[in-house]
PDB file of N, CA and C in Angstrom:
ATOM      1  N   UNK A   1       2.851   1.020  -7.462  1.00  0.00           N
ATOM      2  CA  UNK A   1       2.276   1.623  -6.280  1.00  0.00           C
ATOM      3  C   UNK A   1       3.286   2.604  -5.698  1.00  0.00           C
ATOM      4  N   UNK A   2       2.800   3.782  -5.391  1.00  0.00           N
ATOM      5  CA  UNK A   2       3.653   4.803  -4.787  1.00  0.00           C
ATOM      6  C   UNK A   2       3.483   4.781  -3.263  1.00  0.00           C
ATOM      7  N   UNK A   3       4.438   5.365  -2.537  1.00  0.00           N
ATOM      8  CA  UNK A   3       4.260   5.477  -1.089  1.00  0.00           C
ATOM      9  C   UNK A   3       2.978   6.224  -0.715  1.00  0.00           C
ATOM     10  N   UNK A   4       2.622   7.257  -1.474  1.00  0.00           N
ATOM     11  CA  UNK A   4       1.388   8.006  -1.193  1.00  0.00           C
ATOM     12  C   UNK A   4       0.160   7.123  -1.388  1.00  0.00           C
ATOM     13  N   UNK A   5       0.163   6.283  -2.418  1.00  0.00           N
ATOM     14  CA  UNK A   5      -0.952   5.359  -2.625  1.00  0.00           C
ATOM     15  C   UNK A   5      -1.053   4.376  -1.465  1.00  0.00           C
ATOM     16  N   UNK A   6       0.075   3.931  -0.969  1.00  0.00           N
ATOM     17  CA  UNK A   6       0.086   2.999   0.161  1.00  0.00           C
ATOM     18  C   UNK A   6      -0.540   3.657   1.390  1.00  0.00           C
ATOM     19  N   UNK A   7      -0.132   4.880   1.696  1.00  0.00           N
ATOM     20  CA  UNK A   7      -0.695   5.595   2.847  1.00  0.00           C
ATOM     21  C   UNK A   7      -2.192   5.825   2.671  1.00  0.00           C
ATOM     22  N   UNK A   8      -2.600   6.221   1.462  1.00  0.00           N
ATOM     23  CA  UNK A   8      -4.018   6.470   1.196  1.00  0.00           C
ATOM     24  C   UNK A   8      -4.831   5.185   1.310  1.00  0.00           C
ATOM     25  N   UNK A   9      -4.289   4.093   0.812  1.00  0.00           N
ATOM     26  CA  UNK A   9      -4.987   2.804   0.889  1.00  0.00           C
ATOM     27  C   UNK A   9      -5.166   2.382   2.343  1.00  0.00           C
ATOM     28  N   UNK A  10      -4.132   2.557   3.149  1.00  0.00           N
ATOM     29  CA  UNK A  10      -4.253   2.230   4.576  1.00  0.00           C
ATOM     30  C   UNK A  10      -5.332   3.074   5.230  1.00  0.00           C
ATOM     31  N   UNK A  11      -5.379   4.353   4.865  1.00  0.00           N
ATOM     32  CA  UNK A  11      -6.386   5.250   5.445  1.00  0.00           C
ATOM     33  C   UNK A  11      -7.794   4.798   5.066  1.00  0.00           C
ATOM     34  N   UNK A  12      -7.989   4.394   3.816  1.00  0.00           N
ATOM     35  CA  UNK A  12      -9.309   3.910   3.390  1.00  0.00           C
ATOM     36  C   UNK A  12      -9.742   2.686   4.189  1.00  0.00           C
ATOM     37  N   UNK A  13      -8.774   1.840   4.506  1.00  0.00           N
ATOM     38  CA  UNK A  13      -9.068   0.611   5.246  1.00  0.00           C
ATOM     39  C   UNK A  13      -9.053   0.818   6.758  1.00  0.00           C
ATOM     40  N   UNK A  14      -8.596   1.998   7.202  1.00  0.00           N
ATOM     41  CA  UNK A  14      -8.411   2.282   8.621  1.00  0.00           C
ATOM     42  C   UNK A  14      -7.429   1.289   9.240  1.00  0.00           C
ATOM     43  N   UNK A  15      -6.361   1.004   8.491  1.00  0.00           N
ATOM     44  CA  UNK A  15      -5.308   0.095   8.944  1.00  0.00           C
ATOM     45  C   UNK A  15      -4.133   0.892   9.489  1.00  0.00           C
ATOM     46  N   UNK A  16      -3.513   0.373  10.517  1.00  0.00           N
ATOM     47  CA  UNK A  16      -2.260   0.916  11.023  1.00  0.00           C
ATOM     48  C   UNK A  16      -1.112   0.324  10.208  1.00  0.00           C
ATOM     49  N   UNK A  17       0.062   0.909  10.360  1.00  0.00           N
ATOM     50  CA  UNK A  17       1.235   0.325   9.711  1.00  0.00           C
ATOM     51  C   UNK A  17       1.504  -1.091  10.218  1.00  0.00           C
ATOM     52  N   UNK A  18       1.395  -1.353  11.536  1.00  0.00           N
ATOM     53  CA  UNK A  18       1.588  -2.733  11.994  1.00  0.00           C
ATOM     54  C   UNK A  18       0.568  -3.709  11.392  1.00  0.00           C
ATOM     55  N   UNK A  19      -0.668  -3.259  11.198  1.00  0.00           N
ATOM     56  CA  UNK A  19      -1.683  -4.137  10.595  1.00  0.00           C
ATOM     57  C   UNK A  19      -1.311  -4.477   9.158  1.00  0.00           C
ATOM     58  N   UNK A  20      -0.835  -3.493   8.405  1.00  0.00           N
ATOM     59  CA  UNK A  20      -0.411  -3.755   7.031  1.00  0.00           C
ATOM     60  C   UNK A  20       0.797  -4.681   7.010  1.00  0.00           C
ATOM     61  N   UNK A  21       1.753  -4.436   7.895  1.00  0.00           N
ATOM     62  CA  UNK A  21       2.935  -5.298   7.949  1.00  0.00           C
ATOM     63  C   UNK A  21       2.537  -6.744   8.209  1.00  0.00           C
ATOM     64  N   UNK A  22       1.630  -6.956   9.146  1.00  0.00           N
ATOM     65  CA  UNK A  22       1.182  -8.318   9.461  1.00  0.00           C
ATOM     66  C   UNK A  22       0.464  -8.939   8.275  1.00  0.00           C
ATOM     67  N   UNK A  23      -0.397  -8.184   7.628  1.00  0.00           N
ATOM     68  CA  UNK A  23      -1.155  -8.710   6.493  1.00  0.00           C
ATOM     69  C   UNK A  23      -0.246  -9.036   5.312  1.00  0.00           C
ATOM     70  N   UNK A  24       0.796  -8.239   5.125  1.00  0.00           N
ATOM     71  CA  UNK A  24       1.725  -8.443   4.013  1.00  0.00           C
ATOM     72  C   UNK A  24       2.831  -9.435   4.350  1.00  0.00           C
ATOM     73  N   UNK A  25       2.943  -9.805   5.628  1.00  0.00           N
ATOM     74  CA  UNK A  25       4.007 -10.721   6.032  1.00  0.00           C
ATOM     75  C   UNK A  25       5.383 -10.077   6.005  1.00  0.00           C
ATOM     76  N   UNK A  26       5.426  -8.784   6.315  1.00  0.00           N
ATOM     77  CA  UNK A  26       6.680  -8.033   6.291  1.00  0.00           C
ATOM     78  C   UNK A  26       6.943  -7.404   7.648  1.00  0.00           C
ATOM     79  N   UNK A  27       8.167  -6.951   7.838  1.00  0.00           N
ATOM     80  CA  UNK A  27       8.504  -6.244   9.057  1.00  0.00           C
ATOM     81  C   UNK A  27       7.937  -4.834   9.046  1.00  0.00           C
ATOM     82  N   UNK A  28       7.633  -4.318  10.219  1.00  0.00           N
ATOM     83  CA  UNK A  28       7.102  -2.962  10.334  1.00  0.00           C
ATOM     84  C   UNK A  28       8.053  -1.942   9.718  1.00  0.00           C
ATOM     85  N   UNK A  29       9.348  -2.128   9.902  1.00  0.00           N
ATOM     86  CA  UNK A  29      10.312  -1.157   9.367  1.00  0.00           C
ATOM     87  C   UNK A  29      10.243  -1.068   7.846  1.00  0.00           C
ATOM     88  N   UNK A  30       9.907  -2.156   7.182  1.00  0.00           N
ATOM     89  CA  UNK A  30       9.771  -2.126   5.722  1.00  0.00           C
ATOM     90  C   UNK A  30       8.619  -1.219   5.313  1.00  0.00           C
ATOM     91  N   UNK A  31       7.491  -1.323   6.017  1.00  0.00           N
ATOM     92  CA  UNK A  31       6.332  -0.476   5.716  1.00  0.00           C
ATOM     93  C   UNK A  31       6.666   0.987   5.993  1.00  0.00           C
ATOM     94  N   UNK A  32       7.231   1.258   7.154  1.00  0.00           N
ATOM     95  CA  UNK A  32       7.578   2.634   7.535  1.00  0.00           C
ATOM     96  C   UNK A  32       8.557   3.231   6.533  1.00  0.00           C
ATOM     97  N   UNK A  33       9.606   2.481   6.205  1.00  0.00           N
ATOM     98  CA  UNK A  33      10.615   2.987   5.274  1.00  0.00           C
ATOM     99  C   UNK A  33      10.031   3.234   3.887  1.00  0.00           C
ATOM    100  N   UNK A  34       9.156   2.346   3.421  1.00  0.00           N
ATOM    101  CA  UNK A  34       8.541   2.532   2.109  1.00  0.00           C
ATOM    102  C   UNK A  34       7.662   3.780   2.097  1.00  0.00           C
ATOM    103  N   UNK A  35       6.799   3.914   3.088  1.00  0.00           N
ATOM    104  CA  UNK A  35       5.877   5.049   3.112  1.00  0.00           C
ATOM    105  C   UNK A  35       6.592   6.386   3.276  1.00  0.00           C
ATOM    106  N   UNK A  36       7.707   6.388   3.984  1.00  0.00           N
ATOM    107  CA  UNK A  36       8.450   7.635   4.198  1.00  0.00           C
ATOM    108  C   UNK A  36       9.588   7.794   3.201  1.00  0.00           C
ATOM    109  N   UNK A  37       9.722   6.824   2.290  1.00  0.00           N
ATOM    110  CA  UNK A  37      10.778   6.818   1.275  1.00  0.00           C
ATOM    111  C   UNK A  37      12.161   6.960   1.912  1.00  0.00           C
ATOM    112  N   UNK A  38      12.370   6.241   3.012  1.00  0.00           N
ATOM    113  CA  UNK A  38      13.655   6.300   3.714  1.00  0.00           C
ATOM    114  C   UNK A  38      14.725   5.483   3.007  1.00  0.00           C
ATOM    115  N   UNK A  39      14.320   4.391   2.396  1.00  0.00           N
ATOM    116  CA  UNK A  39      15.288   3.559   1.679  1.00  0.00           C
ATOM    117  C   UNK A  39      15.203   3.899   0.203  1.00  0.00           C
ATOM    118  N   UNK A  40      16.352   3.878  -0.434  1.00  0.00           N
ATOM    119  CA  UNK A  40      16.340   4.130  -1.876  1.00  0.00           C
ATOM    120  C   UNK A  40      15.735   2.958  -2.619  1.00  0.00           C
ATOM    121  N   UNK A  41      15.886   1.765  -2.070  1.00  0.00           N
ATOM    122  CA  UNK A  41      15.320   0.596  -2.744  1.00  0.00           C
ATOM    123  C   UNK A  41      14.573  -0.275  -1.745  1.00  0.00           C
ATOM    124  N   UNK A  42      13.356  -0.574  -2.084  1.00  0.00           N
ATOM    125  CA  UNK A  42      12.563  -1.579  -1.379  1.00  0.00           C
ATOM    126  C   UNK A  42      12.420  -2.700  -2.392  1.00  0.00           C
ATOM    127  N   UNK A  43      12.606  -3.916  -1.973  1.00  0.00           N
ATOM    128  CA  UNK A  43      12.585  -5.014  -2.936  1.00  0.00           C
ATOM    129  C   UNK A  43      11.245  -5.072  -3.664  1.00  0.00           C
ATOM    130  N   UNK A  44      11.294  -5.410  -4.941  1.00  0.00           N
ATOM    131  CA  UNK A  44      10.044  -5.563  -5.692  1.00  0.00           C
ATOM    132  C   UNK A  44       9.105  -6.582  -5.047  1.00  0.00           C
ATOM    133  N   UNK A  45       9.668  -7.613  -4.425  1.00  0.00           N
ATOM    134  CA  UNK A  45       8.834  -8.611  -3.747  1.00  0.00           C
ATOM    135  C   UNK A  45       8.095  -7.999  -2.559  1.00  0.00           C
ATOM    136  N   UNK A  46       8.760  -7.104  -1.831  1.00  0.00           N
ATOM    137  CA  UNK A  46       8.119  -6.454  -0.684  1.00  0.00           C
ATOM    138  C   UNK A  46       6.995  -5.532  -1.151  1.00  0.00           C
ATOM    139  N   UNK A  47       7.243  -4.768  -2.207  1.00  0.00           N
ATOM    140  CA  UNK A  47       6.203  -3.878  -2.740  1.00  0.00           C
ATOM    141  C   UNK A  47       5.024  -4.707  -3.243  1.00  0.00           C
ATOM    142  N   UNK A  48       5.315  -5.827  -3.896  1.00  0.00           N
ATOM    143  CA  UNK A  48       4.244  -6.707  -4.386  1.00  0.00           C
ATOM    144  C   UNK A  48       3.435  -7.274  -3.229  1.00  0.00           C
ATOM    145  N   UNK A  49       4.092  -7.618  -2.125  1.00  0.00           N
ATOM    146  CA  UNK A  49       3.390  -8.155  -0.953  1.00  0.00           C
ATOM    147  C   UNK A  49       2.495  -7.090  -0.322  1.00  0.00           C
ATOM    148  N   UNK A  50       2.984  -5.864  -0.258  1.00  0.00           N
ATOM    149  CA  UNK A  50       2.179  -4.763   0.277  1.00  0.00           C
ATOM    150  C   UNK A  50       0.948  -4.550  -0.597  1.00  0.00           C
ATOM    151  N   UNK A  51       1.181  -4.476  -1.892  1.00  0.00           N
ATOM    152  CA  UNK A  51       0.068  -4.254  -2.825  1.00  0.00           C
ATOM    153  C   UNK A  51      -0.948  -5.389  -2.750  1.00  0.00           C
ATOM    154  N   UNK A  52      -0.475  -6.627  -2.710  1.00  0.00           N
ATOM    155  CA  UNK A  52      -1.378  -7.783  -2.653  1.00  0.00           C
ATOM    156  C   UNK A  52      -2.227  -7.755  -1.384  1.00  0.00           C
ATOM    157  N   UNK A  53      -1.621  -7.384  -0.264  1.00  0.00           N
ATOM    158  CA  UNK A  53      -2.368  -7.316   0.997  1.00  0.00           C
ATOM    159  C   UNK A  53      -3.468  -6.262   0.918  1.00  0.00           C
ATOM    160  N   UNK A  54      -3.141  -5.119   0.348  1.00  0.00           N
ATOM    161  CA  UNK A  54      -4.126  -4.044   0.228  1.00  0.00           C
ATOM    162  C   UNK A  54      -5.232  -4.410  -0.762  1.00  0.00           C
ATOM    163  N   UNK A  55      -4.849  -5.019  -1.872  1.00  0.00           N
ATOM    164  CA  UNK A  55      -5.849  -5.426  -2.865  1.00  0.00           C
ATOM    165  C   UNK A  55      -6.776  -6.504  -2.320  1.00  0.00           C
ATOM    166  N   UNK A  56      -6.225  -7.434  -1.553  1.00  0.00           N
ATOM    167  CA  UNK A  56      -7.077  -8.497  -1.003  1.00  0.00           C
ATOM    168  C   UNK A  56      -8.063  -7.950   0.028  1.00  0.00           C
ATOM    169  N   UNK A  57      -7.752  -6.769   0.582  1.00  0.00           N
ATOM    170  CA  UNK A  57      -8.659  -6.123   1.536  1.00  0.00           C
ATOM    171  C   UNK A  57      -9.669  -5.214   0.835  1.00  0.00           C
ATOM    172  N   UNK A  58      -9.584  -5.111  -0.495  1.00  0.00           N
ATOM    173  CA  UNK A  58     -10.578  -4.356  -1.237  1.00  0.00           C
ATOM    174  C   UNK A  58     -10.116  -3.074  -1.890  1.00  0.00           C
ATOM    175  N   UNK A  59      -8.823  -2.792  -1.850  1.00  0.00           N
ATOM    176  CA  UNK A  59      -8.302  -1.570  -2.466  1.00  0.00           C
ATOM    177  C   UNK A  59      -8.071  -1.799  -3.958  1.00  0.00           C
ATOM    178  N   UNK A  60      -8.431  -0.810  -4.742  1.00  0.00           N
ATOM    179  CA  UNK A  60      -8.143  -0.809  -6.176  1.00  0.00           C
ATOM    180  C   UNK A  60      -7.174   0.335  -6.434  1.00  0.00           C
ATOM    181  N   UNK A  61      -6.086   0.035  -7.128  1.00  0.00           N
ATOM    182  CA  UNK A  61      -5.102   1.056  -7.466  1.00  0.00           C
ATOM    183  C   UNK A  61      -5.460   1.651  -8.821  1.00  0.00           C
ATOM    184  N   UNK A  62      -5.472   2.972  -8.887  1.00  0.00           N
ATOM    185  CA  UNK A  62      -5.850   3.694 -10.093  1.00  0.00           C
ATOM    186  C   UNK A  62      -4.579   4.229 -10.752  1.00  0.00           C
ATOM    187  N   UNK A  63      -4.441   3.953 -12.050  1.00  0.00           N
ATOM    188  CA  UNK A  63      -3.276   4.424 -12.801  1.00  0.00           C
ATOM    189  C   UNK A  63      -3.291   5.948 -12.901  1.00  0.00           C
ATOM    190  N   UNK A  64      -2.155   6.503 -13.223  1.00  0.00           N
ATOM    191  CA  UNK A  64      -1.992   7.952 -13.273  1.00  0.00           C
ATOM    192  C   UNK A  64      -2.949   8.634 -14.245  1.00  0.00           C
ATOM    193  N   UNK A  65      -3.051   8.178 -15.461  1.00  0.00           N
ATOM    194  CA  UNK A  65      -3.963   8.746 -16.464  1.00  0.00           C
ATOM    195  C   UNK A  65      -3.880  10.263 -16.577  1.00  0.00           C
ATOM    196  N   UNK A  66      -2.736  10.834 -16.315  1.00  0.00           N
ATOM    197  CA  UNK A  66      -2.567  12.277 -16.438  1.00  0.00           C
ATOM    198  C   UNK A  66      -3.005  13.084 -15.229  1.00  0.00           C
ATOM    199  N   UNK A  67      -3.800  12.496 -14.342  1.00  0.00           N
ATOM    200  CA  UNK A  67      -4.271  13.210 -13.158  1.00  0.00           C
ATOM    201  C   UNK A  67      -3.568  12.771 -11.884  1.00  0.00           C
ATOM    202  N   UNK A  68      -2.622  11.895 -11.994  1.00  0.00           N
ATOM    203  CA  UNK A  68      -1.924  11.370 -10.832  1.00  0.00           C
ATOM    204  C   UNK A  68      -2.536  10.057 -10.382  1.00  0.00           C
ATOM    205  N   UNK A  69      -1.740   9.206  -9.757  1.00  0.00           N
ATOM    206  CA  UNK A  69      -2.232   7.904  -9.301  1.00  0.00           C
ATOM    207  C   UNK A  69      -3.170   8.061  -8.116  1.00  0.00           C
ATOM    208  N   UNK A  70      -3.984   7.045  -7.888  1.00  0.00           N
ATOM    209  CA  UNK A  70      -4.916   7.099  -6.768  1.00  0.00           C
ATOM    210  C   UNK A  70      -5.314   5.719  -6.298  1.00  0.00           C
ATOM    211  N   UNK A  71      -6.238   5.686  -5.346  1.00  0.00           N
ATOM    212  CA  UNK A  71      -6.775   4.434  -4.814  1.00  0.00           C
ATOM    213  C   UNK A  71      -8.260   4.619  -4.529  1.00  0.00           C
ATOM    214  N   UNK A  72      -8.974   3.522  -4.531  1.00  0.00           N
ATOM    215  CA  UNK A  72     -10.371   3.528  -4.106  1.00  0.00           C
ATOM    216  C   UNK A  72     -10.707   2.147  -3.589  1.00  0.00           C
ATOM    217  N   UNK A  73     -11.851   2.046  -2.916  1.00  0.00           N
ATOM    218  CA  UNK A  73     -12.299   0.753  -2.412  1.00  0.00           C
ATOM    219  C   UNK A  73     -13.216   0.093  -3.422  1.00  0.00           C
ATOM    220  N   UNK A  74     -13.068  -1.207  -3.549  1.00  0.00           N
ATOM    221  CA  UNK A  74     -13.935  -1.993  -4.423  1.00  0.00           C
ATOM    222  C   UNK A  74     -15.355  -1.954  -3.870  1.00  0.00           C
ATOM    223  N   UNK A  75     -16.323  -1.875  -4.748  1.00  0.00           N
ATOM    224  CA  UNK A  75     -17.734  -1.905  -4.356  1.00  0.00           C
ATOM    225  C   UNK A  75     -18.059  -3.306  -3.867  1.00  0.00           C
ATOM    226  N   UNK A  76     -18.469  -3.421  -2.643  1.00  0.00           N
ATOM    227  CA  UNK A  76     -18.718  -4.740  -2.046  1.00  0.00           C
ATOM    228  C   UNK A  76     -20.173  -5.171  -2.149  1.00  0.00           C
ATOM    229  N   UNK A  77     -20.992  -4.412  -2.853  1.00  0.00           N
ATOM    230  CA  UNK A  77     -22.409  -4.788  -2.948  1.00  0.00           C
ATOM    231  C   UNK A  77     -22.662  -5.770  -4.074  1.00  0.00           C
TER     232      UNK A  77
END
């Protein structure tokens, strides 16, 4: 998951950074730093927690496949 995918996923869900932090069980600064790429390293566990929170809310992460990575919402019907 890239920082851009994280921002796009939040936008699809209409989630704030604090909402994502709460859902992922992480501090707000971790979310902010990841999305803005302020830290050179974010722990793999933190990235996994962010991804899991977004996926459990219905986000699907799309692999690059030559066109760049992306996100979409799971069909809930």
